Amino acid sequence: MKPALTRKLKKDLQAVVTDAEELLKATAAQTGERIEKTRGRVEASLRDARERLAEAGSAAAETAGDAARSVDDQVHDNPYAAIGIAAGMGLLLGLLIGRG
């Protein structure tokens, strides 16, 4: 996920929390107009946050797919190296587990 997108997502989620806190405070006072304004802001913030989360999820899925294709290509291009690396990692992991 890109740092700018992460920062924007964090900012949106913070706005949702802030607006939700205001809604709770406004509801406790039972002022109708204030409740409606705050609810409107909460709904808008939630809508924006959902859009950002969807964008982040799409970007993460695309990045993961690209990485998986790249690894798959490397394994197909160098099968013996991939087998050697996997065997070495298995041996290393087995040694570490055996000591524990």
PDB file of N, CA and C in Angstrom:
ATOM      1  N   MET A   1       0.853  -1.171   0.000  1.00  0.00           N
ATOM      2  CA  MET A   1       0.000   0.000   0.000  1.00  0.00           C
ATOM      3  C   MET A   1       0.899   1.234   0.000  1.00  0.00           C
ATOM      4  N   LYS A   2       0.548   2.214  -0.803  1.00  0.00           N
ATOM      5  CA  LYS A   2       1.338   3.425  -0.912  1.00  0.00           C
ATOM      6  C   LYS A   2       1.231   4.234   0.379  1.00  0.00           C
ATOM      7  N   PRO A   3       2.343   4.872   0.796  1.00  0.00           N
ATOM      8  CA  PRO A   3       2.317   5.661   2.029  1.00  0.00           C
ATOM      9  C   PRO A   3       1.264   6.764   2.016  1.00  0.00           C
ATOM     10  N   ALA A   4       1.072   7.426   0.879  1.00  0.00           N
ATOM     11  CA  ALA A   4       0.080   8.510   0.818  1.00  0.00           C
ATOM     12  C   ALA A   4      -1.326   7.963   1.036  1.00  0.00           C
ATOM     13  N   LEU A   5      -1.606   6.795   0.459  1.00  0.00           N
ATOM     14  CA  LEU A   5      -2.914   6.165   0.631  1.00  0.00           C
ATOM     15  C   LEU A   5      -3.107   5.731   2.077  1.00  0.00           C
ATOM     16  N   THR A   6      -2.051   5.215   2.703  1.00  0.00           N
ATOM     17  CA  THR A   6      -2.120   4.804   4.106  1.00  0.00           C
ATOM     18  C   THR A   6      -2.405   5.998   5.006  1.00  0.00           C
ATOM     19  N   ARG A   7      -1.729   7.107   4.747  1.00  0.00           N
ATOM     20  CA  ARG A   7      -1.963   8.316   5.549  1.00  0.00           C
ATOM     21  C   ARG A   7      -3.384   8.822   5.371  1.00  0.00           C
ATOM     22  N   LYS A   8      -3.882   8.816   4.137  1.00  0.00           N
ATOM     23  CA  LYS A   8      -5.245   9.285   3.860  1.00  0.00           C
ATOM     24  C   LYS A   8      -6.259   8.375   4.547  1.00  0.00           C
ATOM     25  N   LEU A   9      -6.026   7.078   4.496  1.00  0.00           N
ATOM     26  CA  LEU A   9      -6.925   6.131   5.157  1.00  0.00           C
ATOM     27  C   LEU A   9      -6.935   6.364   6.660  1.00  0.00           C
ATOM     28  N   LYS A  10      -5.774   6.573   7.237  1.00  0.00           N
ATOM     29  CA  LYS A  10      -5.690   6.832   8.669  1.00  0.00           C
ATOM     30  C   LYS A  10      -6.435   8.120   9.030  1.00  0.00           C
ATOM     31  N   LYS A  11      -6.258   9.150   8.206  1.00  0.00           N
ATOM     32  CA  LYS A  11      -6.936  10.426   8.455  1.00  0.00           C
ATOM     33  C   LYS A  11      -8.451  10.251   8.372  1.00  0.00           C
ATOM     34  N   ASP A  12      -8.922   9.498   7.367  1.00  0.00           N
ATOM     35  CA  ASP A  12     -10.364   9.252   7.226  1.00  0.00           C
ATOM     36  C   ASP A  12     -10.918   8.498   8.430  1.00  0.00           C
ATOM     37  N   LEU A  13     -10.211   7.493   8.890  1.00  0.00           N
ATOM     38  CA  LEU A  13     -10.682   6.720  10.039  1.00  0.00           C
ATOM     39  C   LEU A  13     -10.682   7.563  11.313  1.00  0.00           C
ATOM     40  N   GLN A  14      -9.701   8.443  11.445  1.00  0.00           N
ATOM     41  CA  GLN A  14      -9.683   9.340  12.596  1.00  0.00           C
ATOM     42  C   GLN A  14     -10.872  10.291  12.557  1.00  0.00           C
ATOM     43  N   ALA A  15     -11.229  10.752  11.366  1.00  0.00           N
ATOM     44  CA  ALA A  15     -12.395  11.630  11.220  1.00  0.00           C
ATOM     45  C   ALA A  15     -13.668  10.887  11.610  1.00  0.00           C
ATOM     46  N   VAL A  16     -13.759   9.625  11.243  1.00  0.00           N
ATOM     47  CA  VAL A  16     -14.937   8.820  11.608  1.00  0.00           C
ATOM     48  C   VAL A  16     -15.042   8.714  13.124  1.00  0.00           C
ATOM     49  N   VAL A  17     -13.950   8.444  13.766  1.00  0.00           N
ATOM     50  CA  VAL A  17     -13.955   8.318  15.225  1.00  0.00           C
ATOM     51  C   VAL A  17     -14.345   9.640  15.872  1.00  0.00           C
ATOM     52  N   THR A  18     -13.771  10.730  15.393  1.00  0.00           N
ATOM     53  CA  THR A  18     -14.087  12.049  15.938  1.00  0.00           C
ATOM     54  C   THR A  18     -15.562  12.374  15.772  1.00  0.00           C
ATOM     55  N   ASP A  19     -16.092  12.123  14.568  1.00  0.00           N
ATOM     56  CA  ASP A  19     -17.503  12.398  14.313  1.00  0.00           C
ATOM     57  C   ASP A  19     -18.409  11.491  15.147  1.00  0.00           C
ATOM     58  N   ALA A  20     -18.021  10.252  15.336  1.00  0.00           N
ATOM     59  CA  ALA A  20     -18.824   9.343  16.156  1.00  0.00           C
ATOM     60  C   ALA A  20     -18.847   9.820  17.613  1.00  0.00           C
ATOM     61  N   GLU A  21     -17.714  10.313  18.101  1.00  0.00           N
ATOM     62  CA  GLU A  21     -17.681  10.851  19.462  1.00  0.00           C
ATOM     63  C   GLU A  21     -18.591  12.067  19.586  1.00  0.00           C
ATOM     64  N   GLU A  22     -18.564  12.927  18.581  1.00  0.00           N
ATOM     65  CA  GLU A  22     -19.442  14.095  18.593  1.00  0.00           C
ATOM     66  C   GLU A  22     -20.902  13.679  18.574  1.00  0.00           C
ATOM     67  N   LEU A  23     -21.211  12.652  17.803  1.00  0.00           N
ATOM     68  CA  LEU A  23     -22.589  12.161  17.739  1.00  0.00           C
ATOM     69  C   LEU A  23     -23.051  11.684  19.112  1.00  0.00           C
ATOM     70  N   LEU A  24     -22.197  10.999  19.805  1.00  0.00           N
ATOM     71  CA  LEU A  24     -22.551  10.535  21.155  1.00  0.00           C
ATOM     72  C   LEU A  24     -22.798  11.719  22.095  1.00  0.00           C
ATOM     73  N   LYS A  25     -21.930  12.705  22.007  1.00  0.00           N
ATOM     74  CA  LYS A  25     -22.113  13.886  22.855  1.00  0.00           C
ATOM     75  C   LYS A  25     -23.401  14.622  22.502  1.00  0.00           C
ATOM     76  N   ALA A  26     -23.666  14.766  21.198  1.00  0.00           N
ATOM     77  CA  ALA A  26     -24.865  15.470  20.751  1.00  0.00           C
ATOM     78  C   ALA A  26     -26.126  14.711  21.132  1.00  0.00           C
ATOM     79  N   THR A  27     -26.074  13.412  21.074  1.00  0.00           N
ATOM     80  CA  THR A  27     -27.242  12.599  21.411  1.00  0.00           C
ATOM     81  C   THR A  27     -27.547  12.702  22.898  1.00  0.00           C
ATOM     82  N   ALA A  28     -26.531  12.788  23.709  1.00  0.00           N
ATOM     83  CA  ALA A  28     -26.741  12.903  25.143  1.00  0.00           C
ATOM     84  C   ALA A  28     -27.481  14.195  25.477  1.00  0.00           C
ATOM     85  N   ALA A  29     -27.226  15.261  24.732  1.00  0.00           N
ATOM     86  CA  ALA A  29     -27.881  16.547  24.982  1.00  0.00           C
ATOM     87  C   ALA A  29     -29.278  16.608  24.362  1.00  0.00           C
ATOM     88  N   GLN A  30     -29.575  15.704  23.448  1.00  0.00           N
ATOM     89  CA  GLN A  30     -30.885  15.617  22.793  1.00  0.00           C
ATOM     90  C   GLN A  30     -31.293  16.886  22.061  1.00  0.00           C
ATOM     91  N   THR A  31     -30.379  17.498  21.344  1.00  0.00           N
ATOM     92  CA  THR A  31     -30.731  18.638  20.515  1.00  0.00           C
ATOM     93  C   THR A  31     -30.899  18.148  19.081  1.00  0.00           C
ATOM     94  N   GLY A  32     -32.087  18.227  18.548  1.00  0.00           N
ATOM     95  CA  GLY A  32     -32.439  17.655  17.259  1.00  0.00           C
ATOM     96  C   GLY A  32     -31.600  18.137  16.091  1.00  0.00           C
ATOM     97  N   GLU A  33     -31.435  19.454  15.923  1.00  0.00           N
ATOM     98  CA  GLU A  33     -30.693  19.985  14.791  1.00  0.00           C
ATOM     99  C   GLU A  33     -29.226  19.576  14.857  1.00  0.00           C
ATOM    100  N   ARG A  34     -28.661  19.633  16.030  1.00  0.00           N
ATOM    101  CA  ARG A  34     -27.254  19.266  16.212  1.00  0.00           C
ATOM    102  C   ARG A  34     -27.049  17.786  15.914  1.00  0.00           C
ATOM    103  N   ILE A  35     -27.975  16.941  16.331  1.00  0.00           N
ATOM    104  CA  ILE A  35     -27.878  15.502  16.065  1.00  0.00           C
ATOM    105  C   ILE A  35     -27.891  15.242  14.562  1.00  0.00           C
ATOM    106  N   GLU A  36     -28.794  15.876  13.840  1.00  0.00           N
ATOM    107  CA  GLU A  36     -28.898  15.676  12.400  1.00  0.00           C
ATOM    108  C   GLU A  36     -27.630  16.117  11.668  1.00  0.00           C
ATOM    109  N   LYS A  37     -27.061  17.260  12.046  1.00  0.00           N
ATOM    110  CA  LYS A  37     -25.832  17.735  11.410  1.00  0.00           C
ATOM    111  C   LYS A  37     -24.682  16.757  11.668  1.00  0.00           C
ATOM    112  N   THR A  38     -24.570  16.317  12.902  1.00  0.00           N
ATOM    113  CA  THR A  38     -23.494  15.398  13.256  1.00  0.00           C
ATOM    114  C   THR A  38     -23.687  14.056  12.569  1.00  0.00           C
ATOM    115  N   ARG A  39     -24.914  13.562  12.532  1.00  0.00           N
ATOM    116  CA  ARG A  39     -25.183  12.301  11.834  1.00  0.00           C
ATOM    117  C   ARG A  39     -24.824  12.414  10.359  1.00  0.00           C
ATOM    118  N   GLY A  40     -25.126  13.530   9.757  1.00  0.00           N
ATOM    119  CA  GLY A  40     -24.776  13.753   8.353  1.00  0.00           C
ATOM    120  C   GLY A  40     -23.271  13.681   8.130  1.00  0.00           C
ATOM    121  N   ARG A  41     -22.507  14.303   9.038  1.00  0.00           N
ATOM    122  CA  ARG A  41     -21.046  14.247   8.924  1.00  0.00           C
ATOM    123  C   ARG A  41     -20.534  12.836   9.137  1.00  0.00           C
ATOM    124  N   VAL A  42     -21.127  12.103  10.096  1.00  0.00           N
ATOM    125  CA  VAL A  42     -20.714  10.718  10.348  1.00  0.00           C
ATOM    126  C   VAL A  42     -20.982   9.862   9.118  1.00  0.00           C
ATOM    127  N   GLU A  43     -22.151  10.015   8.516  1.00  0.00           N
ATOM    128  CA  GLU A  43     -22.478   9.238   7.324  1.00  0.00           C
ATOM    129  C   GLU A  43     -21.514   9.549   6.182  1.00  0.00           C
ATOM    130  N   ALA A  44     -21.189  10.824   5.998  1.00  0.00           N
ATOM    131  CA  ALA A  44     -20.252  11.211   4.941  1.00  0.00           C
ATOM    132  C   ALA A  44     -18.859  10.645   5.225  1.00  0.00           C
ATOM    133  N   SER A  45     -18.436  10.700   6.464  1.00  0.00           N
ATOM    134  CA  SER A  45     -17.125  10.169   6.834  1.00  0.00           C
ATOM    135  C   SER A  45     -17.070   8.659   6.627  1.00  0.00           C
ATOM    136  N   LEU A  46     -18.137   7.980   7.017  1.00  0.00           N
ATOM    137  CA  LEU A  46     -18.185   6.532   6.810  1.00  0.00           C
ATOM    138  C   LEU A  46     -18.147   6.180   5.323  1.00  0.00           C
ATOM    139  N   ARG A  47     -18.867   6.934   4.520  1.00  0.00           N
ATOM    140  CA  ARG A  47     -18.870   6.707   3.078  1.00  0.00           C
ATOM    141  C   ARG A  47     -17.455   6.884   2.509  1.00  0.00           C
ATOM    142  N   ASP A  48     -16.783   7.963   2.906  1.00  0.00           N
ATOM    143  CA  ASP A  48     -15.421   8.215   2.435  1.00  0.00           C
ATOM    144  C   ASP A  48     -14.466   7.114   2.901  1.00  0.00           C
ATOM    145  N   ALA A  49     -14.603   6.711   4.160  1.00  0.00           N
ATOM    146  CA  ALA A  49     -13.728   5.664   4.692  1.00  0.00           C
ATOM    147  C   ALA A  49     -13.952   4.339   3.962  1.00  0.00           C
ATOM    148  N   ARG A  50     -15.202   4.010   3.675  1.00  0.00           N
ATOM    149  CA  ARG A  50     -15.481   2.771   2.938  1.00  0.00           C
ATOM    150  C   ARG A  50     -14.847   2.817   1.551  1.00  0.00           C
ATOM    151  N   GLU A  51     -14.933   3.957   0.878  1.00  0.00           N
ATOM    152  CA  GLU A  51     -14.321   4.097  -0.448  1.00  0.00           C
ATOM    153  C   GLU A  51     -12.810   3.917  -0.358  1.00  0.00           C
ATOM    154  N   ARG A  52     -12.197   4.543   0.637  1.00  0.00           N
ATOM    155  CA  ARG A  52     -10.740   4.427   0.797  1.00  0.00           C
ATOM    156  C   ARG A  52     -10.353   2.983   1.117  1.00  0.00           C
ATOM    157  N   LEU A  53     -11.122   2.315   1.953  1.00  0.00           N
ATOM    158  CA  LEU A  53     -10.826   0.920   2.264  1.00  0.00           C
ATOM    159  C   LEU A  53     -10.948   0.044   1.027  1.00  0.00           C
ATOM    160  N   ALA A  54     -11.959   0.302   0.203  1.00  0.00           N
ATOM    161  CA  ALA A  54     -12.120  -0.458  -1.031  1.00  0.00           C
ATOM    162  C   ALA A  54     -10.929  -0.223  -1.959  1.00  0.00           C
ATOM    163  N   GLU A  55     -10.492   1.034  -2.075  1.00  0.00           N
ATOM    164  CA  GLU A  55      -9.327   1.358  -2.901  1.00  0.00           C
ATOM    165  C   GLU A  55      -8.082   0.661  -2.366  1.00  0.00           C
ATOM    166  N   ALA A  56      -7.907   0.703  -1.048  1.00  0.00           N
ATOM    167  CA  ALA A  56      -6.738   0.068  -0.431  1.00  0.00           C
ATOM    168  C   ALA A  56      -6.773  -1.436  -0.660  1.00  0.00           C
ATOM    169  N   GLY A  57      -7.945  -2.035  -0.533  1.00  0.00           N
ATOM    170  CA  GLY A  57      -8.070  -3.474  -0.758  1.00  0.00           C
ATOM    171  C   GLY A  57      -7.761  -3.853  -2.189  1.00  0.00           C
ATOM    172  N   SER A  58      -8.227  -3.048  -3.138  1.00  0.00           N
ATOM    173  CA  SER A  58      -7.940  -3.310  -4.554  1.00  0.00           C
ATOM    174  C   SER A  58      -6.450  -3.184  -4.836  1.00  0.00           C
ATOM    175  N   ALA A  59      -5.843  -2.141  -4.287  1.00  0.00           N
ATOM    176  CA  ALA A  59      -4.405  -1.930  -4.500  1.00  0.00           C
ATOM    177  C   ALA A  59      -3.598  -3.061  -3.882  1.00  0.00           C
ATOM    178  N   ALA A  60      -3.985  -3.503  -2.692  1.00  0.00           N
ATOM    179  CA  ALA A  60      -3.264  -4.593  -2.033  1.00  0.00           C
ATOM    180  C   ALA A  60      -3.422  -5.894  -2.807  1.00  0.00           C
ATOM    181  N   ALA A  61      -4.622  -6.157  -3.302  1.00  0.00           N
ATOM    182  CA  ALA A  61      -4.860  -7.377  -4.077  1.00  0.00           C
ATOM    183  C   ALA A  61      -4.056  -7.360  -5.369  1.00  0.00           C
ATOM    184  N   GLU A  62      -3.993  -6.203  -6.012  1.00  0.00           N
ATOM    185  CA  GLU A  62      -3.221  -6.087  -7.251  1.00  0.00           C
ATOM    186  C   GLU A  62      -1.738  -6.313  -6.991  1.00  0.00           C
ATOM    187  N   THR A  63      -1.220  -5.713  -5.919  1.00  0.00           N
ATOM    188  CA  THR A  63       0.185  -5.878  -5.574  1.00  0.00           C
ATOM    189  C   THR A  63       0.498  -7.330  -5.234  1.00  0.00           C
ATOM    190  N   ALA A  64      -0.376  -7.969  -4.465  1.00  0.00           N
ATOM    191  CA  ALA A  64      -0.178  -9.372  -4.109  1.00  0.00           C
ATOM    192  C   ALA A  64      -0.213 -10.259  -5.351  1.00  0.00           C
ATOM    193  N   GLY A  65      -1.117  -9.976  -6.265  1.00  0.00           N
ATOM    194  CA  GLY A  65      -1.200 -10.745  -7.507  1.00  0.00           C
ATOM    195  C   GLY A  65       0.053 -10.589  -8.348  1.00  0.00           C
ATOM    196  N   ASP A  66       0.563  -9.362  -8.434  1.00  0.00           N
ATOM    197  CA  ASP A  66       1.804  -9.116  -9.178  1.00  0.00           C
ATOM    198  C   ASP A  66       2.974  -9.873  -8.556  1.00  0.00           C
ATOM    199  N   ALA A  67       3.054  -9.850  -7.234  1.00  0.00           N
ATOM    200  CA  ALA A  67       4.136 -10.555  -6.542  1.00  0.00           C
ATOM    201  C   ALA A  67       4.031 -12.060  -6.760  1.00  0.00           C
ATOM    202  N   ALA A  68       2.820 -12.594  -6.686  1.00  0.00           N
ATOM    203  CA  ALA A  68       2.625 -14.038  -6.890  1.00  0.00           C
ATOM    204  C   ALA A  68       3.010 -14.430  -8.311  1.00  0.00           C
ATOM    205  N   ARG A  69       2.644 -13.624  -9.302  1.00  0.00           N
ATOM    206  CA  ARG A  69       3.015 -13.924 -10.690  1.00  0.00           C
ATOM    207  C   ARG A  69       4.527 -13.868 -10.872  1.00  0.00           C
ATOM    208  N   SER A  70       5.164 -12.901 -10.221  1.00  0.00           N
ATOM    209  CA  SER A  70       6.610 -12.772 -10.328  1.00  0.00           C
ATOM    210  C   SER A  70       7.318 -13.997  -9.733  1.00  0.00           C
ATOM    211  N   VAL A  71       6.871 -14.432  -8.569  1.00  0.00           N
ATOM    212  CA  VAL A  71       7.460 -15.620  -7.940  1.00  0.00           C
ATOM    213  C   VAL A  71       7.215 -16.846  -8.812  1.00  0.00           C
ATOM    214  N   ASP A  72       6.016 -16.986  -9.329  1.00  0.00           N
ATOM    215  CA  ASP A  72       5.684 -18.117 -10.193  1.00  0.00           C
ATOM    216  C   ASP A  72       6.584 -18.136 -11.428  1.00  0.00           C
ATOM    217  N   ASP A  73       6.794 -16.970 -12.019  1.00  0.00           N
ATOM    218  CA  ASP A  73       7.676 -16.886 -13.190  1.00  0.00           C
ATOM    219  C   ASP A  73       9.100 -17.297 -12.832  1.00  0.00           C
ATOM    220  N   GLN A  74       9.583 -16.824 -11.677  1.00  0.00           N
ATOM    221  CA  GLN A  74      10.942 -17.166 -11.256  1.00  0.00           C
ATOM    222  C   GLN A  74      11.096 -18.666 -11.016  1.00  0.00           C
ATOM    223  N   VAL A  75      10.091 -19.281 -10.406  1.00  0.00           N
ATOM    224  CA  VAL A  75      10.147 -20.721 -10.136  1.00  0.00           C
ATOM    225  C   VAL A  75      10.140 -21.491 -11.457  1.00  0.00           C
ATOM    226  N   HIS A  76       9.329 -21.063 -12.403  1.00  0.00           N
ATOM    227  CA  HIS A  76       9.291 -21.746 -13.698  1.00  0.00           C
ATOM    228  C   HIS A  76      10.585 -21.546 -14.486  1.00  0.00           C
ATOM    229  N   ASP A  77      11.181 -20.368 -14.370  1.00  0.00           N
ATOM    230  CA  ASP A  77      12.428 -20.098 -15.078  1.00  0.00           C
ATOM    231  C   ASP A  77      13.623 -20.796 -14.440  1.00  0.00           C
ATOM    232  N   ASN A  78      13.590 -20.985 -13.116  1.00  0.00           N
ATOM    233  CA  ASN A  78      14.712 -21.586 -12.369  1.00  0.00           C
ATOM    234  C   ASN A  78      14.213 -22.659 -11.411  1.00  0.00           C
ATOM    235  N   PRO A  79      13.707 -23.786 -11.923  1.00  0.00           N
ATOM    236  CA  PRO A  79      13.099 -24.787 -11.034  1.00  0.00           C
ATOM    237  C   PRO A  79      14.092 -25.421 -10.058  1.00  0.00           C
ATOM    238  N   TYR A  80      15.331 -25.681 -10.502  1.00  0.00           N
ATOM    239  CA  TYR A  80      16.290 -26.336  -9.615  1.00  0.00           C
ATOM    240  C   TYR A  80      16.732 -25.401  -8.490  1.00  0.00           C
ATOM    241  N   ALA A  81      16.872 -24.141  -8.798  1.00  0.00           N
ATOM    242  CA  ALA A  81      17.224 -23.174  -7.754  1.00  0.00           C
ATOM    243  C   ALA A  81      16.089 -23.079  -6.734  1.00  0.00           C
ATOM    244  N   ALA A  82      14.844 -23.089  -7.215  1.00  0.00           N
ATOM    245  CA  ALA A  82      13.701 -23.017  -6.299  1.00  0.00           C
ATOM    246  C   ALA A  82      13.663 -24.244  -5.394  1.00  0.00           C
ATOM    247  N   ILE A  83      13.929 -25.419  -5.957  1.00  0.00           N
ATOM    248  CA  ILE A  83      13.939 -26.656  -5.159  1.00  0.00           C
ATOM    249  C   ILE A  83      15.056 -26.591  -4.127  1.00  0.00           C
ATOM    250  N   GLY A  84      16.227 -26.105  -4.530  1.00  0.00           N
ATOM    251  CA  GLY A  84      17.351 -25.994  -3.604  1.00  0.00           C
ATOM    252  C   GLY A  84      17.066 -25.022  -2.462  1.00  0.00           C
ATOM    253  N   ILE A  85      16.475 -23.909  -2.788  1.00  0.00           N
ATOM    254  CA  ILE A  85      16.135 -22.924  -1.752  1.00  0.00           C
ATOM    255  C   ILE A  85      15.096 -23.496  -0.794  1.00  0.00           C
ATOM    256  N   ALA A  86      14.065 -24.147  -1.347  1.00  0.00           N
ATOM    257  CA  ALA A  86      13.034 -24.740  -0.491  1.00  0.00           C
ATOM    258  C   ALA A  86      13.628 -25.823   0.408  1.00  0.00           C
ATOM    259  N   ALA A  87      14.522 -26.659  -0.135  1.00  0.00           N
ATOM    260  CA  ALA A  87      15.151 -27.713   0.671  1.00  0.00           C
ATOM    261  C   ALA A  87      16.013 -27.098   1.776  1.00  0.00           C
ATOM    262  N   GLY A  88      16.767 -26.054   1.436  1.00  0.00           N
ATOM    263  CA  GLY A  88      17.607 -25.391   2.426  1.00  0.00           C
ATOM    264  C   GLY A  88      16.785 -24.760   3.541  1.00  0.00           C
ATOM    265  N   MET A  89      15.687 -24.115   3.174  1.00  0.00           N
ATOM    266  CA  MET A  89      14.818 -23.506   4.183  1.00  0.00           C
ATOM    267  C   MET A  89      14.189 -24.588   5.066  1.00  0.00           C
ATOM    268  N   GLY A  90      13.789 -25.698   4.450  1.00  0.00           N
ATOM    269  CA  GLY A  90      13.216 -26.804   5.222  1.00  0.00           C
ATOM    270  C   GLY A  90      14.228 -27.372   6.207  1.00  0.00           C
ATOM    271  N   LEU A  91      15.469 -27.545   5.757  1.00  0.00           N
ATOM    272  CA  LEU A  91      16.527 -28.054   6.629  1.00  0.00           C
ATOM    273  C   LEU A  91      16.781 -27.083   7.784  1.00  0.00           C
ATOM    274  N   LEU A  92      16.882 -25.811   7.466  1.00  0.00           N
ATOM    275  CA  LEU A  92      17.110 -24.789   8.493  1.00  0.00           C
ATOM    276  C   LEU A  92      15.973 -24.767   9.509  1.00  0.00           C
ATOM    277  N   LEU A  93      14.754 -24.786   9.009  1.00  0.00           N
ATOM    278  CA  LEU A  93      13.584 -24.781   9.900  1.00  0.00           C
ATOM    279  C   LEU A  93      13.576 -26.040  10.763  1.00  0.00           C
ATOM    280  N   GLY A  94      13.900 -27.185  10.174  1.00  0.00           N
ATOM    281  CA  GLY A  94      13.945 -28.437  10.939  1.00  0.00           C
ATOM    282  C   GLY A  94      14.996 -28.390  12.044  1.00  0.00           C
ATOM    283  N   LEU A  95      16.148 -27.810  11.749  1.00  0.00           N
ATOM    284  CA  LEU A  95      17.189 -27.676  12.768  1.00  0.00           C
ATOM    285  C   LEU A  95      16.747 -26.763  13.897  1.00  0.00           C
ATOM    286  N   LEU A  96      16.112 -25.666  13.546  1.00  0.00           N
ATOM    287  CA  LEU A  96      15.651 -24.730  14.576  1.00  0.00           C
ATOM    288  C   LEU A  96      14.570 -25.353  15.447  1.00  0.00           C
ATOM    289  N   ILE A  97      13.655 -26.082  14.850  1.00  0.00           N
ATOM    290  CA  ILE A  97      12.579 -26.726  15.620  1.00  0.00           C
ATOM    291  C   ILE A  97      13.158 -27.844  16.483  1.00  0.00           C
ATOM    292  N   GLY A  98      14.147 -28.570  15.949  1.00  0.00           N
ATOM    293  CA  GLY A  98      14.754 -29.660  16.698  1.00  0.00           C
ATOM    294  C   GLY A  98      15.493 -29.191  17.941  1.00  0.00           C
ATOM    295  N   ARG A  99      15.999 -27.998  17.938  1.00  0.00           N
ATOM    296  CA  ARG A  99      16.698 -27.444  19.109  1.00  0.00           C
ATOM    297  C   ARG A  99      15.742 -26.982  20.189  1.00  0.00           C
ATOM    298  N   GLY A 100      14.497 -26.655  19.796  1.00  0.00           N
ATOM    299  CA  GLY A 100      13.517 -26.075  20.726  1.00  0.00           C
ATOM    300  C   GLY A 100      12.939 -27.082  21.592  1.00  0.00           C
TER     301      GLY A 100
END
